[in-house]
């Protein structure tokens, strides 16, 4: 809507998407939920382990809640999409008038 040429608009959209994906992976996902901490090495083979380390108390830490993370991230992306669609509809109506 803001960029009238197709190719530059696609490039900007891909750049914004890449920036959002990087920001979500680098800064936001670690704050979605607290990591699961266990003292056992017997984790499910389907666990999504992003990192692992031994803590001072001897407990083994792993984060394996894939679907809750998907729902959290999908939720804020859906909210952002709805906001951008509303802004686009508002801009189109404003320019048409």
PDB file of N, CA and C in Angstrom:
ATOM      1  N   UNK A   1       0.818  -1.184   0.000  1.00  0.00           N
ATOM      2  CA  UNK A   1       0.000   0.000   0.000  1.00  0.00           C
ATOM      3  C   UNK A   1       0.867   1.256   0.000  1.00  0.00           C
ATOM      4  N   UNK A   2       1.949   1.237   0.769  1.00  0.00           N
ATOM      5  CA  UNK A   2       2.795   2.425   0.870  1.00  0.00           C
ATOM      6  C   UNK A   2       3.791   2.528  -0.279  1.00  0.00           C
ATOM      7  N   UNK A   3       4.224   1.375  -0.793  1.00  0.00           N
ATOM      8  CA  UNK A   3       5.179   1.349  -1.905  1.00  0.00           C
ATOM      9  C   UNK A   3       4.405   0.919  -3.146  1.00  0.00           C
ATOM     10  N   UNK A   4       4.370   1.769  -4.153  1.00  0.00           N
ATOM     11  CA  UNK A   4       3.505   1.524  -5.308  1.00  0.00           C
ATOM     12  C   UNK A   4       4.093   0.534  -6.311  1.00  0.00           C
ATOM     13  N   UNK A   5       5.373   0.318  -6.305  1.00  0.00           N
ATOM     14  CA  UNK A   5       6.009  -0.642  -7.217  1.00  0.00           C
ATOM     15  C   UNK A   5       6.008  -2.026  -6.582  1.00  0.00           C
ATOM     16  N   UNK A   6       5.793  -3.058  -7.400  1.00  0.00           N
ATOM     17  CA  UNK A   6       5.626  -4.415  -6.887  1.00  0.00           C
ATOM     18  C   UNK A   6       6.933  -4.991  -6.352  1.00  0.00           C
ATOM     19  N   UNK A   7       7.994  -4.951  -7.132  1.00  0.00           N
ATOM     20  CA  UNK A   7       9.249  -5.586  -6.722  1.00  0.00           C
ATOM     21  C   UNK A   7       9.838  -4.929  -5.476  1.00  0.00           C
ATOM     22  N   UNK A   8       9.936  -3.602  -5.392  1.00  0.00           N
ATOM     23  CA  UNK A   8      10.418  -3.009  -4.136  1.00  0.00           C
ATOM     24  C   UNK A   8       9.521  -3.337  -2.941  1.00  0.00           C
ATOM     25  N   UNK A   9       8.211  -3.432  -3.146  1.00  0.00           N
ATOM     26  CA  UNK A   9       7.306  -3.786  -2.051  1.00  0.00           C
ATOM     27  C   UNK A   9       7.576  -5.206  -1.572  1.00  0.00           C
ATOM     28  N   UNK A  10       7.840  -6.122  -2.490  1.00  0.00           N
ATOM     29  CA  UNK A  10       8.162  -7.505  -2.115  1.00  0.00           C
ATOM     30  C   UNK A  10       9.470  -7.557  -1.350  1.00  0.00           C
ATOM     31  N   UNK A  11      10.465  -6.808  -1.800  1.00  0.00           N
ATOM     32  CA  UNK A  11      11.761  -6.789  -1.119  1.00  0.00           C
ATOM     33  C   UNK A  11      11.615  -6.233   0.300  1.00  0.00           C
ATOM     34  N   UNK A  12      10.844  -5.174   0.460  1.00  0.00           N
ATOM     35  CA  UNK A  12      10.626  -4.602   1.787  1.00  0.00           C
ATOM     36  C   UNK A  12       9.874  -5.593   2.677  1.00  0.00           C
ATOM     37  N   UNK A  13       8.853  -6.252   2.124  1.00  0.00           N
ATOM     38  CA  UNK A  13       8.089  -7.228   2.903  1.00  0.00           C
ATOM     39  C   UNK A  13       8.976  -8.390   3.348  1.00  0.00           C
ATOM     40  N   UNK A  14       9.824  -8.888   2.480  1.00  0.00           N
ATOM     41  CA  UNK A  14      10.749  -9.959   2.858  1.00  0.00           C
ATOM     42  C   UNK A  14      11.752  -9.489   3.904  1.00  0.00           C
ATOM     43  N   UNK A  15      12.206  -8.258   3.782  1.00  0.00           N
ATOM     44  CA  UNK A  15      13.120  -7.711   4.781  1.00  0.00           C
ATOM     45  C   UNK A  15      12.469  -7.579   6.147  1.00  0.00           C
ATOM     46  N   UNK A  16      11.219  -7.117   6.177  1.00  0.00           N
ATOM     47  CA  UNK A  16      10.497  -6.995   7.447  1.00  0.00           C
ATOM     48  C   UNK A  16      10.258  -8.376   8.049  1.00  0.00           C
ATOM     49  N   UNK A  17       9.871  -9.339   7.206  1.00  0.00           N
ATOM     50  CA  UNK A  17       9.663 -10.709   7.698  1.00  0.00           C
ATOM     51  C   UNK A  17      10.953 -11.287   8.277  1.00  0.00           C
ATOM     52  N   UNK A  18      12.069 -11.092   7.585  1.00  0.00           N
ATOM     53  CA  UNK A  18      13.356 -11.590   8.074  1.00  0.00           C
ATOM     54  C   UNK A  18      13.715 -10.937   9.402  1.00  0.00           C
ATOM     55  N   UNK A  19      13.482  -9.654   9.510  1.00  0.00           N
ATOM     56  CA  UNK A  19      13.744  -8.958  10.769  1.00  0.00           C
ATOM     57  C   UNK A  19      12.880  -9.470  11.905  1.00  0.00           C
ATOM     58  N   UNK A  20      11.581  -9.709  11.642  1.00  0.00           N
ATOM     59  CA  UNK A  20      10.692 -10.255  12.667  1.00  0.00           C
ATOM     60  C   UNK A  20      11.104 -11.665  13.075  1.00  0.00           C
ATOM     61  N   UNK A  21      11.463 -12.489  12.103  1.00  0.00           N
ATOM     62  CA  UNK A  21      11.885 -13.858  12.409  1.00  0.00           C
ATOM     63  C   UNK A  21      13.163 -13.854  13.247  1.00  0.00           C
ATOM     64  N   UNK A  22      14.106 -12.996  12.899  1.00  0.00           N
ATOM     65  CA  UNK A  22      15.347 -12.907  13.672  1.00  0.00           C
ATOM     66  C   UNK A  22      15.082 -12.398  15.085  1.00  0.00           C
ATOM     67  N   UNK A  23      14.261 -11.355  15.203  1.00  0.00           N
ATOM     68  CA  UNK A  23      13.960 -10.794  16.524  1.00  0.00           C
ATOM     69  C   UNK A  23      13.237 -11.803  17.401  1.00  0.00           C
ATOM     70  N   UNK A  24      12.309 -12.554  16.818  1.00  0.00           N
ATOM     71  CA  UNK A  24      11.582 -13.561  17.600  1.00  0.00           C
ATOM     72  C   UNK A  24      12.528 -14.652  18.078  1.00  0.00           C
ATOM     73  N   UNK A  25      13.404 -15.107  17.203  1.00  0.00           N
ATOM     74  CA  UNK A  25      14.335 -16.166  17.584  1.00  0.00           C
ATOM     75  C   UNK A  25      15.407 -15.717  18.552  1.00  0.00           C
ATOM     76  N   UNK A  26      15.871 -14.506  18.393  1.00  0.00           N
ATOM     77  CA  UNK A  26      16.995 -14.040  19.214  1.00  0.00           C
ATOM     78  C   UNK A  26      16.564 -13.423  20.545  1.00  0.00           C
ATOM     79  N   UNK A  27      15.397 -12.779  20.566  1.00  0.00           N
ATOM     80  CA  UNK A  27      15.043 -12.020  21.759  1.00  0.00           C
ATOM     81  C   UNK A  27      13.731 -12.427  22.429  1.00  0.00           C
ATOM     82  N   UNK A  28      12.730 -12.846  21.652  1.00  0.00           N
ATOM     83  CA  UNK A  28      11.398 -13.032  22.227  1.00  0.00           C
ATOM     84  C   UNK A  28      11.128 -14.441  22.746  1.00  0.00           C
ATOM     85  N   UNK A  29      11.553 -15.481  22.023  1.00  0.00           N
ATOM     86  CA  UNK A  29      11.186 -16.855  22.389  1.00  0.00           C
ATOM     87  C   UNK A  29      11.661 -17.258  23.772  1.00  0.00           C
ATOM     88  N   UNK A  30      12.767 -16.742  24.221  1.00  0.00           N
ATOM     89  CA  UNK A  30      13.264 -17.117  25.542  1.00  0.00           C
ATOM     90  C   UNK A  30      12.381 -16.586  26.660  1.00  0.00           C
ATOM     91  N   UNK A  31      11.495 -15.632  26.341  1.00  0.00           N
ATOM     92  CA  UNK A  31      10.615 -15.057  27.351  1.00  0.00           C
ATOM     93  C   UNK A  31       9.182 -15.595  27.278  1.00  0.00           C
ATOM     94  N   UNK A  32       8.900 -16.505  26.344  1.00  0.00           N
ATOM     95  CA  UNK A  32       7.542 -17.048  26.218  1.00  0.00           C
ATOM     96  C   UNK A  32       7.156 -17.843  27.461  1.00  0.00           C
ATOM     97  N   UNK A  33       8.013 -18.756  27.887  1.00  0.00           N
ATOM     98  CA  UNK A  33       7.771 -19.572  29.073  1.00  0.00           C
ATOM     99  C   UNK A  33       9.101 -19.852  29.740  1.00  0.00           C
ATOM    100  N   UNK A  34       9.044 -20.147  31.021  1.00  0.00           N
ATOM    101  CA  UNK A  34      10.267 -20.513  31.735  1.00  0.00           C
ATOM    102  C   UNK A  34      10.738 -21.881  31.235  1.00  0.00           C
ATOM    103  N   UNK A  35      12.051 -22.111  31.138  1.00  0.00           N
ATOM    104  CA  UNK A  35      12.536 -23.407  30.666  1.00  0.00           C
ATOM    105  C   UNK A  35      12.234 -24.515  31.661  1.00  0.00           C
ATOM    106  N   UNK A  36      12.050 -25.707  31.124  1.00  0.00           N
ATOM    107  CA  UNK A  36      11.817 -26.878  31.957  1.00  0.00           C
ATOM    108  C   UNK A  36      13.168 -27.356  32.469  1.00  0.00           C
ATOM    109  N   UNK A  37      13.259 -27.608  33.743  1.00  0.00           N
ATOM    110  CA  UNK A  37      14.504 -28.072  34.350  1.00  0.00           C
ATOM    111  C   UNK A  37      14.266 -29.459  34.915  1.00  0.00           C
ATOM    112  N   UNK A  38      15.152 -30.385  34.594  1.00  0.00           N
ATOM    113  CA  UNK A  38      15.037 -31.750  35.092  1.00  0.00           C
ATOM    114  C   UNK A  38      16.402 -32.245  35.534  1.00  0.00           C
ATOM    115  N   UNK A  39      16.412 -33.176  36.447  1.00  0.00           N
ATOM    116  CA  UNK A  39      17.675 -33.773  36.885  1.00  0.00           C
ATOM    117  C   UNK A  39      17.907 -35.109  36.204  1.00  0.00           C
ATOM    118  N   UNK A  40      17.024 -35.478  35.279  1.00  0.00           N
ATOM    119  CA  UNK A  40      17.125 -36.753  34.571  1.00  0.00           C
ATOM    120  C   UNK A  40      17.557 -36.512  33.129  1.00  0.00           C
ATOM    121  N   UNK A  41      18.319 -37.422  32.594  1.00  0.00           N
ATOM    122  CA  UNK A  41      18.707 -37.326  31.192  1.00  0.00           C
ATOM    123  C   UNK A  41      17.700 -38.021  30.286  1.00  0.00           C
ATOM    124  N   UNK A  42      16.641 -38.564  30.858  1.00  0.00           N
ATOM    125  CA  UNK A  42      15.629 -39.298  30.115  1.00  0.00           C
ATOM    126  C   UNK A  42      14.563 -38.335  29.600  1.00  0.00           C
ATOM    127  N   UNK A  43      14.855 -37.665  28.496  1.00  0.00           N
ATOM    128  CA  UNK A  43      13.905 -36.745  27.881  1.00  0.00           C
ATOM    129  C   UNK A  43      13.289 -37.433  26.668  1.00  0.00           C
ATOM    130  N   UNK A  44      12.062 -37.072  26.295  1.00  0.00           N
ATOM    131  CA  UNK A  44      11.434 -37.688  25.129  1.00  0.00           C
ATOM    132  C   UNK A  44      12.227 -37.406  23.859  1.00  0.00           C
ATOM    133  N   UNK A  45      12.208 -38.358  22.932  1.00  0.00           N
ATOM    134  CA  UNK A  45      12.943 -38.163  21.683  1.00  0.00           C
ATOM    135  C   UNK A  45      12.323 -37.071  20.827  1.00  0.00           C
ATOM    136  N   UNK A  46      11.050 -36.742  21.072  1.00  0.00           N
ATOM    137  CA  UNK A  46      10.384 -35.695  20.306  1.00  0.00           C
ATOM    138  C   UNK A  46      10.569 -34.314  20.917  1.00  0.00           C
ATOM    139  N   UNK A  47      11.332 -34.205  22.000  1.00  0.00           N
ATOM    140  CA  UNK A  47      11.513 -32.923  22.676  1.00  0.00           C
ATOM    141  C   UNK A  47      12.280 -31.955  21.787  1.00  0.00           C
ATOM    142  N   UNK A  48      11.857 -30.717  21.800  1.00  0.00           N
ATOM    143  CA  UNK A  48      12.533 -29.664  21.050  1.00  0.00           C
ATOM    144  C   UNK A  48      13.531 -29.025  21.987  1.00  0.00           C
ATOM    145  N   UNK A  49      14.751 -29.496  21.943  1.00  0.00           N
ATOM    146  CA  UNK A  49      15.790 -29.019  22.849  1.00  0.00           C
ATOM    147  C   UNK A  49      16.546 -27.892  22.161  1.00  0.00           C
ATOM    148  N   UNK A  50      16.403 -26.698  22.701  1.00  0.00           N
ATOM    149  CA  UNK A  50      17.092 -25.554  22.109  1.00  0.00           C
ATOM    150  C   UNK A  50      18.483 -25.383  22.684  1.00  0.00           C
ATOM    151  N   UNK A  51      18.645 -25.742  23.942  1.00  0.00           N
ATOM    152  CA  UNK A  51      19.958 -25.703  24.566  1.00  0.00           C
ATOM    153  C   UNK A  51      19.911 -26.564  25.813  1.00  0.00           C
ATOM    154  N   UNK A  52      21.068 -26.949  26.265  1.00  0.00           N
ATOM    155  CA  UNK A  52      21.133 -27.762  27.469  1.00  0.00           C
ATOM    156  C   UNK A  52      22.402 -27.430  28.234  1.00  0.00           C
ATOM    157  N   UNK A  53      22.300 -27.494  29.535  1.00  0.00           N
ATOM    158  CA  UNK A  53      23.446 -27.211  30.383  1.00  0.00           C
ATOM    159  C   UNK A  53      23.182 -27.794  31.756  1.00  0.00           C
ATOM    160  N   UNK A  54      24.236 -27.930  32.489  1.00  0.00           N
ATOM    161  CA  UNK A  54      24.126 -28.388  33.880  1.00  0.00           C
ATOM    162  C   UNK A  54      24.095 -27.171  34.770  1.00  0.00           C
ATOM    163  N   UNK A  55      23.172 -27.160  35.690  1.00  0.00           N
ATOM    164  CA  UNK A  55      23.085 -26.049  36.620  1.00  0.00           C
ATOM    165  C   UNK A  55      23.904 -26.368  37.861  1.00  0.00           C
ATOM    166  N   UNK A  56      24.008 -25.406  38.745  1.00  0.00           N
ATOM    167  CA  UNK A  56      24.831 -25.563  39.936  1.00  0.00           C
ATOM    168  C   UNK A  56      24.335 -26.691  40.834  1.00  0.00           C
ATOM    169  N   UNK A  57      23.017 -26.872  40.911  1.00  0.00           N
ATOM    170  CA  UNK A  57      22.460 -27.922  41.759  1.00  0.00           C
ATOM    171  C   UNK A  57      22.505 -29.303  41.130  1.00  0.00           C
ATOM    172  N   UNK A  58      23.041 -29.434  39.930  1.00  0.00           N
ATOM    173  CA  UNK A  58      23.131 -30.724  39.267  1.00  0.00           C
ATOM    174  C   UNK A  58      21.921 -31.074  38.431  1.00  0.00           C
ATOM    175  N   UNK A  59      20.995 -30.137  38.250  1.00  0.00           N
ATOM    176  CA  UNK A  59      19.813 -30.394  37.440  1.00  0.00           C
ATOM    177  C   UNK A  59      20.143 -30.117  35.975  1.00  0.00           C
ATOM    178  N   UNK A  60      19.573 -30.918  35.099  1.00  0.00           N
ATOM    179  CA  UNK A  60      19.771 -30.784  33.666  1.00  0.00           C
ATOM    180  C   UNK A  60      18.627 -29.954  33.102  1.00  0.00           C
ATOM    181  N   UNK A  61      18.912 -28.860  32.392  1.00  0.00           N
ATOM    182  CA  UNK A  61      17.878 -27.951  31.898  1.00  0.00           C
ATOM    183  C   UNK A  61      17.620 -28.200  30.413  1.00  0.00           C
ATOM    184  N   UNK A  62      16.366 -28.263  30.019  1.00  0.00           N
ATOM    185  CA  UNK A  62      15.997 -28.392  28.617  1.00  0.00           C
ATOM    186  C   UNK A  62      14.651 -27.719  28.407  1.00  0.00           C
ATOM    187  N   UNK A  63      14.385 -27.206  27.183  1.00  0.00           N
ATOM    188  CA  UNK A  63      13.101 -26.566  26.825  1.00  0.00           C
ATOM    189  C   UNK A  63      12.459 -27.374  25.723  1.00  0.00           C
ATOM    190  N   UNK A  64      11.394 -28.082  26.051  1.00  0.00           N
ATOM    191  CA  UNK A  64      10.793 -28.984  25.073  1.00  0.00           C
ATOM    192  C   UNK A  64       9.304 -28.774  24.904  1.00  0.00           C
ATOM    193  N   UNK A  65       8.830 -27.574  24.948  1.00  0.00           N
ATOM    194  CA  UNK A  65       7.397 -27.314  24.785  1.00  0.00           C
ATOM    195  C   UNK A  65       7.155 -26.640  23.443  1.00  0.00           C
ATOM    196  N   UNK A  66       7.273 -27.443  22.392  1.00  0.00           N
ATOM    197  CA  UNK A  66       7.219 -26.930  21.027  1.00  0.00           C
ATOM    198  C   UNK A  66       5.876 -26.283  20.700  1.00  0.00           C
ATOM    199  N   UNK A  67       4.772 -27.008  20.936  1.00  0.00           N
ATOM    200  CA  UNK A  67       3.461 -26.495  20.525  1.00  0.00           C
ATOM    201  C   UNK A  67       3.014 -25.274  21.317  1.00  0.00           C
ATOM    202  N   UNK A  68       3.219 -25.192  22.608  1.00  0.00           N
ATOM    203  CA  UNK A  68       2.872 -23.922  23.273  1.00  0.00           C
ATOM    204  C   UNK A  68       3.637 -22.729  22.699  1.00  0.00           C
ATOM    205  N   UNK A  69       4.898 -22.948  22.351  1.00  0.00           N
ATOM    206  CA  UNK A  69       5.666 -21.863  21.744  1.00  0.00           C
ATOM    207  C   UNK A  69       5.078 -21.479  20.385  1.00  0.00           C
ATOM    208  N   UNK A  70       4.650 -22.484  19.613  1.00  0.00           N
ATOM    209  CA  UNK A  70       4.041 -22.202  18.318  1.00  0.00           C
ATOM    210  C   UNK A  70       2.748 -21.400  18.480  1.00  0.00           C
ATOM    211  N   UNK A  71       1.933 -21.757  19.475  1.00  0.00           N
ATOM    212  CA  UNK A  71       0.679 -21.037  19.705  1.00  0.00           C
ATOM    213  C   UNK A  71       0.938 -19.611  20.171  1.00  0.00           C
ATOM    214  N   UNK A  72       1.915 -19.422  21.032  1.00  0.00           N
ATOM    215  CA  UNK A  72       2.237 -18.073  21.515  1.00  0.00           C
ATOM    216  C   UNK A  72       2.716 -17.199  20.360  1.00  0.00           C
ATOM    217  N   UNK A  73       3.651 -17.726  19.584  1.00  0.00           N
ATOM    218  CA  UNK A  73       4.182 -16.937  18.475  1.00  0.00           C
ATOM    219  C   UNK A  73       3.134 -16.733  17.389  1.00  0.00           C
ATOM    220  N   UNK A  74       2.344 -17.757  17.111  1.00  0.00           N
ATOM    221  CA  UNK A  74       1.266 -17.613  16.138  1.00  0.00           C
ATOM    222  C   UNK A  74       0.239 -16.583  16.577  1.00  0.00           C
ATOM    223  N   UNK A  75      -0.016 -16.509  17.880  1.00  0.00           N
ATOM    224  CA  UNK A  75      -0.978 -15.540  18.399  1.00  0.00           C
ATOM    225  C   UNK A  75      -0.545 -14.106  18.204  1.00  0.00           C
ATOM    226  N   UNK A  76       0.710 -13.800  18.546  1.00  0.00           N
ATOM    227  CA  UNK A  76       1.120 -12.403  18.375  1.00  0.00           C
ATOM    228  C   UNK A  76       1.317 -12.051  16.905  1.00  0.00           C
ATOM    229  N   UNK A  77       1.678 -13.046  16.068  1.00  0.00           N
ATOM    230  CA  UNK A  77       1.766 -12.773  14.634  1.00  0.00           C
ATOM    231  C   UNK A  77       0.385 -12.554  14.027  1.00  0.00           C
ATOM    232  N   UNK A  78      -0.619 -13.295  14.518  1.00  0.00           N
ATOM    233  CA  UNK A  78      -1.991 -13.086  14.052  1.00  0.00           C
ATOM    234  C   UNK A  78      -2.491 -11.701  14.469  1.00  0.00           C
ATOM    235  N   UNK A  79      -2.203 -11.298  15.693  1.00  0.00           N
ATOM    236  CA  UNK A  79      -2.597  -9.966  16.155  1.00  0.00           C
ATOM    237  C   UNK A  79      -1.915  -8.873  15.329  1.00  0.00           C
ATOM    238  N   UNK A  80      -0.635  -9.055  15.034  1.00  0.00           N
ATOM    239  CA  UNK A  80       0.086  -8.086  14.206  1.00  0.00           C
ATOM    240  C   UNK A  80      -0.503  -8.038  12.794  1.00  0.00           C
ATOM    241  N   UNK A  81      -0.853  -9.199  12.246  1.00  0.00           N
ATOM    242  CA  UNK A  81      -1.464  -9.242  10.914  1.00  0.00           C
ATOM    243  C   UNK A  81      -2.799  -8.514  10.892  1.00  0.00           C
ATOM    244  N   UNK A  82      -3.623  -8.739  11.920  1.00  0.00           N
ATOM    245  CA  UNK A  82      -4.919  -8.052  11.987  1.00  0.00           C
ATOM    246  C   UNK A  82      -4.729  -6.538  12.080  1.00  0.00           C
ATOM    247  N   UNK A  83      -3.747  -6.115  12.850  1.00  0.00           N
ATOM    248  CA  UNK A  83      -3.456  -4.685  12.965  1.00  0.00           C
ATOM    249  C   UNK A  83      -3.009  -4.100  11.624  1.00  0.00           C
ATOM    250  N   UNK A  84      -2.149  -4.821  10.916  1.00  0.00           N
ATOM    251  CA  UNK A  84      -1.676  -4.333   9.615  1.00  0.00           C
ATOM    252  C   UNK A  84      -2.788  -4.335   8.573  1.00  0.00           C
ATOM    253  N   UNK A  85      -3.674  -5.323   8.618  1.00  0.00           N
ATOM    254  CA  UNK A  85      -4.810  -5.345   7.687  1.00  0.00           C
ATOM    255  C   UNK A  85      -5.737  -4.173   7.969  1.00  0.00           C
ATOM    256  N   UNK A  86      -6.001  -3.903   9.238  1.00  0.00           N
ATOM    257  CA  UNK A  86      -6.851  -2.765   9.598  1.00  0.00           C
ATOM    258  C   UNK A  86      -6.214  -1.455   9.133  1.00  0.00           C
ATOM    259  N   UNK A  87      -4.911  -1.318   9.302  1.00  0.00           N
ATOM    260  CA  UNK A  87      -4.222  -0.104   8.842  1.00  0.00           C
ATOM    261  C   UNK A  87      -4.301   0.023   7.325  1.00  0.00           C
ATOM    262  N   UNK A  88      -4.189  -1.080   6.605  1.00  0.00           N
ATOM    263  CA  UNK A  88      -4.283  -1.047   5.148  1.00  0.00           C
ATOM    264  C   UNK A  88      -5.676  -0.642   4.697  1.00  0.00           C
ATOM    265  N   UNK A  89      -6.703  -1.226   5.308  1.00  0.00           N
ATOM    266  CA  UNK A  89      -8.082  -0.855   4.959  1.00  0.00           C
ATOM    267  C   UNK A  89      -8.313   0.621   5.243  1.00  0.00           C
ATOM    268  N   UNK A  90      -7.818   1.114   6.360  1.00  0.00           N
ATOM    269  CA  UNK A  90      -7.971   2.528   6.692  1.00  0.00           C
ATOM    270  C   UNK A  90      -7.275   3.411   5.657  1.00  0.00           C
ATOM    271  N   UNK A  91      -6.054   3.030   5.251  1.00  0.00           N
ATOM    272  CA  UNK A  91      -5.319   3.830   4.258  1.00  0.00           C
ATOM    273  C   UNK A  91      -6.005   3.805   2.904  1.00  0.00           C
ATOM    274  N   UNK A  92      -6.546   2.662   2.489  1.00  0.00           N
ATOM    275  CA  UNK A  92      -7.220   2.572   1.201  1.00  0.00           C
ATOM    276  C   UNK A  92      -8.477   3.440   1.198  1.00  0.00           C
ATOM    277  N   UNK A  93      -9.248   3.387   2.268  1.00  0.00           N
ATOM    278  CA  UNK A  93     -10.471   4.205   2.351  1.00  0.00           C
ATOM    279  C   UNK A  93     -10.136   5.691   2.395  1.00  0.00           C
ATOM    280  N   UNK A  94      -9.038   6.024   3.054  1.00  0.00           N
ATOM    281  CA  UNK A  94      -8.648   7.438   3.164  1.00  0.00           C
ATOM    282  C   UNK A  94      -8.197   7.984   1.811  1.00  0.00           C
ATOM    283  N   UNK A  95      -7.451   7.165   1.064  1.00  0.00           N
ATOM    284  CA  UNK A  95      -6.976   7.635  -0.242  1.00  0.00           C
ATOM    285  C   UNK A  95      -8.082   7.638  -1.278  1.00  0.00           C
ATOM    286  N   UNK A  96      -9.065   6.761  -1.150  1.00  0.00           N
ATOM    287  CA  UNK A  96     -10.166   6.699  -2.111  1.00  0.00           C
ATOM    288  C   UNK A  96     -11.127   7.871  -1.934  1.00  0.00           C
ATOM    289  N   UNK A  97     -11.165   8.430  -0.769  1.00  0.00           N
ATOM    290  CA  UNK A  97     -12.127   9.506  -0.502  1.00  0.00           C
ATOM    291  C   UNK A  97     -11.715  10.829  -1.070  1.00  0.00           C
TER     292      UNK A  97
END
